[in-house]
């Protein structure tokens, strides 16, 4: 019984850590994707508006994320 307790504690801590990292880095990845999209929009359009491009990219990326 004493051998099982450390294993259970390790598994619980690992699950909590994975959940924490997933939630934190998911938003970080979305922000990086939005930045890359805005940069792409800047390079492909002649009339560039930062706020419009950022709003468009954020909507499209969040829409794609919900579809997955």
PDB file of N, CA and C in Angstrom:
ATOM      1  N   UNK A   1       0.821  -1.201   0.000  1.00  0.00           N
ATOM      2  CA  UNK A   1       0.000   0.000   0.000  1.00  0.00           C
ATOM      3  C   UNK A   1       0.864   1.264   0.000  1.00  0.00           C
ATOM      4  N   UNK A   2       1.983   1.232   0.701  1.00  0.00           N
ATOM      5  CA  UNK A   2       2.852   2.399   0.781  1.00  0.00           C
ATOM      6  C   UNK A   2       3.515   2.702  -0.557  1.00  0.00           C
ATOM      7  N   UNK A   3       3.652   1.704  -1.413  1.00  0.00           N
ATOM      8  CA  UNK A   3       4.264   1.913  -2.717  1.00  0.00           C
ATOM      9  C   UNK A   3       3.289   2.571  -3.690  1.00  0.00           C
ATOM     10  N   UNK A   4       2.021   2.416  -3.465  1.00  0.00           N
ATOM     11  CA  UNK A   4       1.001   2.947  -4.373  1.00  0.00           C
ATOM     12  C   UNK A   4       0.770   4.446  -4.154  1.00  0.00           C
ATOM     13  N   UNK A   5       0.869   4.913  -2.930  1.00  0.00           N
ATOM     14  CA  UNK A   5       0.578   6.313  -2.611  1.00  0.00           C
ATOM     15  C   UNK A   5       1.469   7.283  -3.385  1.00  0.00           C
ATOM     16  N   UNK A   6       2.774   7.119  -3.450  1.00  0.00           N
ATOM     17  CA  UNK A   6       3.594   8.060  -4.233  1.00  0.00           C
ATOM     18  C   UNK A   6       3.242   8.048  -5.732  1.00  0.00           C
ATOM     19  N   UNK A   7       2.905   6.888  -6.242  1.00  0.00           N
ATOM     20  CA  UNK A   7       2.523   6.794  -7.655  1.00  0.00           C
ATOM     21  C   UNK A   7       1.226   7.556  -7.920  1.00  0.00           C
ATOM     22  N   UNK A   8       0.262   7.413  -7.043  1.00  0.00           N
ATOM     23  CA  UNK A   8      -1.013   8.118  -7.196  1.00  0.00           C
ATOM     24  C   UNK A   8      -0.804   9.620  -7.090  1.00  0.00           C
ATOM     25  N   UNK A   9      -0.011  10.042  -6.138  1.00  0.00           N
ATOM     26  CA  UNK A   9       0.278  11.474  -5.977  1.00  0.00           C
ATOM     27  C   UNK A   9       0.979  12.007  -7.223  1.00  0.00           C
ATOM     28  N   UNK A  10       1.936  11.260  -7.752  1.00  0.00           N
ATOM     29  CA  UNK A  10       2.639  11.671  -8.967  1.00  0.00           C
ATOM     30  C   UNK A  10       1.674  11.806 -10.141  1.00  0.00           C
ATOM     31  N   UNK A  11       0.784  10.861 -10.300  1.00  0.00           N
ATOM     32  CA  UNK A  11      -0.181  10.905 -11.407  1.00  0.00           C
ATOM     33  C   UNK A  11      -1.111  12.099 -11.265  1.00  0.00           C
ATOM     34  N   UNK A  12      -1.587  12.371 -10.085  1.00  0.00           N
ATOM     35  CA  UNK A  12      -2.482  13.515  -9.864  1.00  0.00           C
ATOM     36  C   UNK A  12      -1.761  14.827 -10.152  1.00  0.00           C
ATOM     37  N   UNK A  13      -0.540  14.950  -9.662  1.00  0.00           N
ATOM     38  CA  UNK A  13       0.240  16.169  -9.911  1.00  0.00           C
ATOM     39  C   UNK A  13       0.511  16.328 -11.405  1.00  0.00           C
ATOM     40  N   UNK A  14       0.830  15.240 -12.083  1.00  0.00           N
ATOM     41  CA  UNK A  14       1.088  15.303 -13.527  1.00  0.00           C
ATOM     42  C   UNK A  14      -0.159  15.739 -14.299  1.00  0.00           C
ATOM     43  N   UNK A  15      -1.307  15.233 -13.931  1.00  0.00           N
ATOM     44  CA  UNK A  15      -2.555  15.617 -14.602  1.00  0.00           C
ATOM     45  C   UNK A  15      -2.839  17.098 -14.383  1.00  0.00           C
ATOM     46  N   UNK A  16      -2.679  17.580 -13.178  1.00  0.00           N
ATOM     47  CA  UNK A  16      -2.905  19.001 -12.886  1.00  0.00           C
ATOM     48  C   UNK A  16      -1.921  19.865 -13.667  1.00  0.00           C
ATOM     49  N   UNK A  17      -0.679  19.456 -13.728  1.00  0.00           N
ATOM     50  CA  UNK A  17       0.345  20.202 -14.453  1.00  0.00           C
ATOM     51  C   UNK A  17       0.038  20.239 -15.952  1.00  0.00           C
ATOM     52  N   UNK A  18      -0.346  19.132 -16.512  1.00  0.00           N
ATOM     53  CA  UNK A  18      -0.687  19.087 -17.945  1.00  0.00           C
ATOM     54  C   UNK A  18      -1.882  19.985 -18.232  1.00  0.00           C
ATOM     55  N   UNK A  19      -2.898  19.949 -17.390  1.00  0.00           N
ATOM     56  CA  UNK A  19      -4.066  20.815 -17.582  1.00  0.00           C
ATOM     57  C   UNK A  19      -3.668  22.286 -17.516  1.00  0.00           C
ATOM     58  N   UNK A  20      -2.833  22.643 -16.549  1.00  0.00           N
ATOM     59  CA  UNK A  20      -2.381  24.017 -16.392  1.00  0.00           C
ATOM     60  C   UNK A  20      -1.602  24.484 -17.615  1.00  0.00           C
ATOM     61  N   UNK A  21      -0.680  23.672 -18.087  1.00  0.00           N
ATOM     62  CA  UNK A  21       0.119  24.033 -19.257  1.00  0.00           C
ATOM     63  C   UNK A  21      -0.738  24.141 -20.513  1.00  0.00           C
ATOM     64  N   UNK A  22      -1.697  23.265 -20.648  1.00  0.00           N
ATOM     65  CA  UNK A  22      -2.569  23.289 -21.824  1.00  0.00           C
ATOM     66  C   UNK A  22      -3.370  24.588 -21.878  1.00  0.00           C
ATOM     67  N   UNK A  23      -3.929  24.984 -20.760  1.00  0.00           N
ATOM     68  CA  UNK A  23      -4.738  26.196 -20.750  1.00  0.00           C
ATOM     69  C   UNK A  23      -3.890  27.441 -20.979  1.00  0.00           C
ATOM     70  N   UNK A  24      -2.697  27.484 -20.422  1.00  0.00           N
ATOM     71  CA  UNK A  24      -1.845  28.663 -20.594  1.00  0.00           C
ATOM     72  C   UNK A  24      -1.283  28.770 -22.000  1.00  0.00           C
ATOM     73  N   UNK A  25      -0.793  27.688 -22.545  1.00  0.00           N
ATOM     74  CA  UNK A  25      -0.136  27.748 -23.839  1.00  0.00           C
ATOM     75  C   UNK A  25      -1.122  27.740 -24.997  1.00  0.00           C
ATOM     76  N   UNK A  26      -2.358  27.348 -24.774  1.00  0.00           N
ATOM     77  CA  UNK A  26      -3.353  27.395 -25.843  1.00  0.00           C
ATOM     78  C   UNK A  26      -3.595  28.851 -26.243  1.00  0.00           C
ATOM     79  N   UNK A  27      -3.724  29.727 -25.282  1.00  0.00           N
ATOM     80  CA  UNK A  27      -3.928  31.146 -25.585  1.00  0.00           C
ATOM     81  C   UNK A  27      -2.680  31.757 -26.215  1.00  0.00           C
ATOM     82  N   UNK A  28      -1.526  31.337 -25.767  1.00  0.00           N
ATOM     83  CA  UNK A  28      -0.274  31.816 -26.347  1.00  0.00           C
ATOM     84  C   UNK A  28      -0.191  31.427 -27.824  1.00  0.00           C
ATOM     85  N   UNK A  29      -0.567  30.209 -28.144  1.00  0.00           N
ATOM     86  CA  UNK A  29      -0.535  29.746 -29.530  1.00  0.00           C
ATOM     87  C   UNK A  29      -1.528  30.507 -30.396  1.00  0.00           C
ATOM     88  N   UNK A  30      -2.684  30.828 -29.856  1.00  0.00           N
ATOM     89  CA  UNK A  30      -3.674  31.600 -30.606  1.00  0.00           C
ATOM     90  C   UNK A  30      -3.126  32.990 -30.907  1.00  0.00           C
ATOM     91  N   UNK A  31      -2.494  33.612 -29.923  1.00  0.00           N
ATOM     92  CA  UNK A  31      -1.930  34.947 -30.135  1.00  0.00           C
ATOM     93  C   UNK A  31      -0.835  34.924 -31.198  1.00  0.00           C
ATOM     94  N   UNK A  32      -0.007  33.894 -31.185  1.00  0.00           N
ATOM     95  CA  UNK A  32       1.037  33.770 -32.210  1.00  0.00           C
ATOM     96  C   UNK A  32       0.419  33.568 -33.588  1.00  0.00           C
ATOM     97  N   UNK A  33      -0.647  32.798 -33.674  1.00  0.00           N
ATOM     98  CA  UNK A  33      -1.324  32.572 -34.950  1.00  0.00           C
ATOM     99  C   UNK A  33      -1.942  33.866 -35.472  1.00  0.00           C
ATOM    100  N   UNK A  34      -2.526  34.642 -34.582  1.00  0.00           N
ATOM    101  CA  UNK A  34      -3.119  35.922 -34.976  1.00  0.00           C
ATOM    102  C   UNK A  34      -2.029  36.863 -35.480  1.00  0.00           C
ATOM    103  N   UNK A  35      -0.901  36.908 -34.800  1.00  0.00           N
ATOM    104  CA  UNK A  35       0.203  37.759 -35.239  1.00  0.00           C
ATOM    105  C   UNK A  35       0.707  37.352 -36.622  1.00  0.00           C
ATOM    106  N   UNK A  36       0.823  36.060 -36.854  1.00  0.00           N
ATOM    107  CA  UNK A  36       1.277  35.578 -38.158  1.00  0.00           C
ATOM    108  C   UNK A  36       0.259  35.911 -39.243  1.00  0.00           C
ATOM    109  N   UNK A  37      -1.010  35.797 -38.925  1.00  0.00           N
ATOM    110  CA  UNK A  37      -2.063  36.127 -39.883  1.00  0.00           C
ATOM    111  C   UNK A  37      -2.037  37.612 -40.231  1.00  0.00           C
ATOM    112  N   UNK A  38      -1.869  38.460 -39.229  1.00  0.00           N
ATOM    113  CA  UNK A  38      -1.807  39.900 -39.470  1.00  0.00           C
ATOM    114  C   UNK A  38      -0.611  40.241 -40.347  1.00  0.00           C
ATOM    115  N   UNK A  39       0.513  39.604 -40.092  1.00  0.00           N
ATOM    116  CA  UNK A  39       1.695  39.830 -40.915  1.00  0.00           C
ATOM    117  C   UNK A  39       1.444  39.398 -42.362  1.00  0.00           C
ATOM    118  N   UNK A  40       0.761  38.281 -42.530  1.00  0.00           N
ATOM    119  CA  UNK A  40       0.410  37.829 -43.872  1.00  0.00           C
ATOM    120  C   UNK A  40      -0.535  38.778 -44.567  1.00  0.00           C
ATOM    121  N   UNK A  41      -1.499  39.281 -43.823  1.00  0.00           N
ATOM    122  CA  UNK A  41      -2.430  40.266 -44.392  1.00  0.00           C
ATOM    123  C   UNK A  41      -1.683  41.527 -44.823  1.00  0.00           C
ATOM    124  N   UNK A  42      -0.733  41.937 -44.022  1.00  0.00           N
ATOM    125  CA  UNK A  42       0.037  43.146 -44.332  1.00  0.00           C
ATOM    126  C   UNK A  42       0.814  42.975 -45.632  1.00  0.00           C
ATOM    127  N   UNK A  43       1.355  41.797 -45.835  1.00  0.00           N
ATOM    128  CA  UNK A  43       2.153  41.544 -47.031  1.00  0.00           C
ATOM    129  C   UNK A  43       1.304  41.353 -48.284  1.00  0.00           C
ATOM    130  N   UNK A  44       0.059  40.930 -48.119  1.00  0.00           N
ATOM    131  CA  UNK A  44      -0.750  40.605 -49.296  1.00  0.00           C
ATOM    132  C   UNK A  44      -1.712  41.705 -49.713  1.00  0.00           C
ATOM    133  N   UNK A  45      -2.010  42.656 -48.844  1.00  0.00           N
ATOM    134  CA  UNK A  45      -2.964  43.698 -49.210  1.00  0.00           C
ATOM    135  C   UNK A  45      -2.251  45.024 -49.412  1.00  0.00           C
ATOM    136  N   UNK A  46      -2.788  45.803 -50.338  1.00  0.00           N
ATOM    137  CA  UNK A  46      -2.190  47.121 -50.604  1.00  0.00           C
ATOM    138  C   UNK A  46      -2.631  48.144 -49.569  1.00  0.00           C
ATOM    139  N   UNK A  47      -3.917  48.152 -49.256  1.00  0.00           N
ATOM    140  CA  UNK A  47      -4.412  49.074 -48.230  1.00  0.00           C
ATOM    141  C   UNK A  47      -4.548  48.283 -46.927  1.00  0.00           C
ATOM    142  N   UNK A  48      -3.647  48.517 -46.008  1.00  0.00           N
ATOM    143  CA  UNK A  48      -3.580  47.739 -44.775  1.00  0.00           C
ATOM    144  C   UNK A  48      -4.078  48.565 -43.602  1.00  0.00           C
ATOM    145  N   UNK A  49      -5.029  48.015 -42.860  1.00  0.00           N
ATOM    146  CA  UNK A  49      -5.514  48.621 -41.622  1.00  0.00           C
ATOM    147  C   UNK A  49      -5.294  47.600 -40.505  1.00  0.00           C
ATOM    148  N   UNK A  50      -4.469  47.947 -39.546  1.00  0.00           N
ATOM    149  CA  UNK A  50      -4.065  47.014 -38.497  1.00  0.00           C
ATOM    150  C   UNK A  50      -5.260  46.500 -37.700  1.00  0.00           C
ATOM    151  N   UNK A  51      -6.153  47.375 -37.293  1.00  0.00           N
ATOM    152  CA  UNK A  51      -7.277  46.959 -36.454  1.00  0.00           C
ATOM    153  C   UNK A  51      -8.221  46.027 -37.203  1.00  0.00           C
ATOM    154  N   UNK A  52      -8.489  46.345 -38.470  1.00  0.00           N
ATOM    155  CA  UNK A  52      -9.364  45.488 -39.263  1.00  0.00           C
ATOM    156  C   UNK A  52      -8.732  44.123 -39.491  1.00  0.00           C
ATOM    157  N   UNK A  53      -7.446  44.117 -39.803  1.00  0.00           N
ATOM    158  CA  UNK A  53      -6.744  42.859 -40.049  1.00  0.00           C
ATOM    159  C   UNK A  53      -6.696  42.012 -38.777  1.00  0.00           C
ATOM    160  N   UNK A  54      -6.463  42.636 -37.655  1.00  0.00           N
ATOM    161  CA  UNK A  54      -6.391  41.910 -36.397  1.00  0.00           C
ATOM    162  C   UNK A  54      -7.753  41.313 -36.038  1.00  0.00           C
ATOM    163  N   UNK A  55      -8.800  42.091 -36.233  1.00  0.00           N
ATOM    164  CA  UNK A  55     -10.143  41.605 -35.940  1.00  0.00           C
ATOM    165  C   UNK A  55     -10.507  40.445 -36.866  1.00  0.00           C
ATOM    166  N   UNK A  56     -10.203  40.595 -38.154  1.00  0.00           N
ATOM    167  CA  UNK A  56     -10.501  39.544 -39.126  1.00  0.00           C
ATOM    168  C   UNK A  56      -9.746  38.264 -38.781  1.00  0.00           C
ATOM    169  N   UNK A  57      -8.464  38.391 -38.509  1.00  0.00           N
ATOM    170  CA  UNK A  57      -7.643  37.221 -38.203  1.00  0.00           C
ATOM    171  C   UNK A  57      -8.114  36.529 -36.926  1.00  0.00           C
ATOM    172  N   UNK A  58      -8.444  37.302 -35.914  1.00  0.00           N
ATOM    173  CA  UNK A  58      -8.899  36.712 -34.658  1.00  0.00           C
ATOM    174  C   UNK A  58     -10.202  35.946 -34.857  1.00  0.00           C
ATOM    175  N   UNK A  59     -11.129  36.522 -35.614  1.00  0.00           N
ATOM    176  CA  UNK A  59     -12.397  35.839 -35.872  1.00  0.00           C
ATOM    177  C   UNK A  59     -12.171  34.537 -36.636  1.00  0.00           C
ATOM    178  N   UNK A  60     -11.335  34.580 -37.660  1.00  0.00           N
ATOM    179  CA  UNK A  60     -11.095  33.394 -38.473  1.00  0.00           C
ATOM    180  C   UNK A  60     -10.385  32.289 -37.690  1.00  0.00           C
ATOM    181  N   UNK A  61      -9.412  32.643 -36.892  1.00  0.00           N
ATOM    182  CA  UNK A  61      -8.666  31.641 -36.142  1.00  0.00           C
ATOM    183  C   UNK A  61      -9.533  31.025 -35.055  1.00  0.00           C
ATOM    184  N   UNK A  62     -10.301  31.837 -34.366  1.00  0.00           N
ATOM    185  CA  UNK A  62     -11.192  31.286 -33.326  1.00  0.00           C
ATOM    186  C   UNK A  62     -12.281  30.422 -33.946  1.00  0.00           C
ATOM    187  N   UNK A  63     -12.756  30.808 -35.145  1.00  0.00           N
ATOM    188  CA  UNK A  63     -13.754  30.009 -35.834  1.00  0.00           C
ATOM    189  C   UNK A  63     -13.168  28.651 -36.226  1.00  0.00           C
ATOM    190  N   UNK A  64     -11.944  28.641 -36.709  1.00  0.00           N
ATOM    191  CA  UNK A  64     -11.278  27.386 -37.072  1.00  0.00           C
ATOM    192  C   UNK A  64     -11.033  26.517 -35.834  1.00  0.00           C
ATOM    193  N   UNK A  65     -10.695  27.161 -34.724  1.00  0.00           N
ATOM    194  CA  UNK A  65     -10.428  26.407 -33.507  1.00  0.00           C
ATOM    195  C   UNK A  65     -11.694  25.721 -32.988  1.00  0.00           C
ATOM    196  N   UNK A  66     -12.832  26.403 -33.105  1.00  0.00           N
ATOM    197  CA  UNK A  66     -14.091  25.804 -32.683  1.00  0.00           C
ATOM    198  C   UNK A  66     -14.480  24.648 -33.589  1.00  0.00           C
ATOM    199  N   UNK A  67     -14.101  24.713 -34.849  1.00  0.00           N
ATOM    200  CA  UNK A  67     -14.432  23.653 -35.804  1.00  0.00           C
ATOM    201  C   UNK A  67     -13.643  22.381 -35.575  1.00  0.00           C
ATOM    202  N   UNK A  68     -12.500  22.481 -34.895  1.00  0.00           N
ATOM    203  CA  UNK A  68     -11.659  21.281 -34.682  1.00  0.00           C
ATOM    204  C   UNK A  68     -12.221  20.399 -33.639  1.00  0.00           C
TER     205      UNK A  68
END
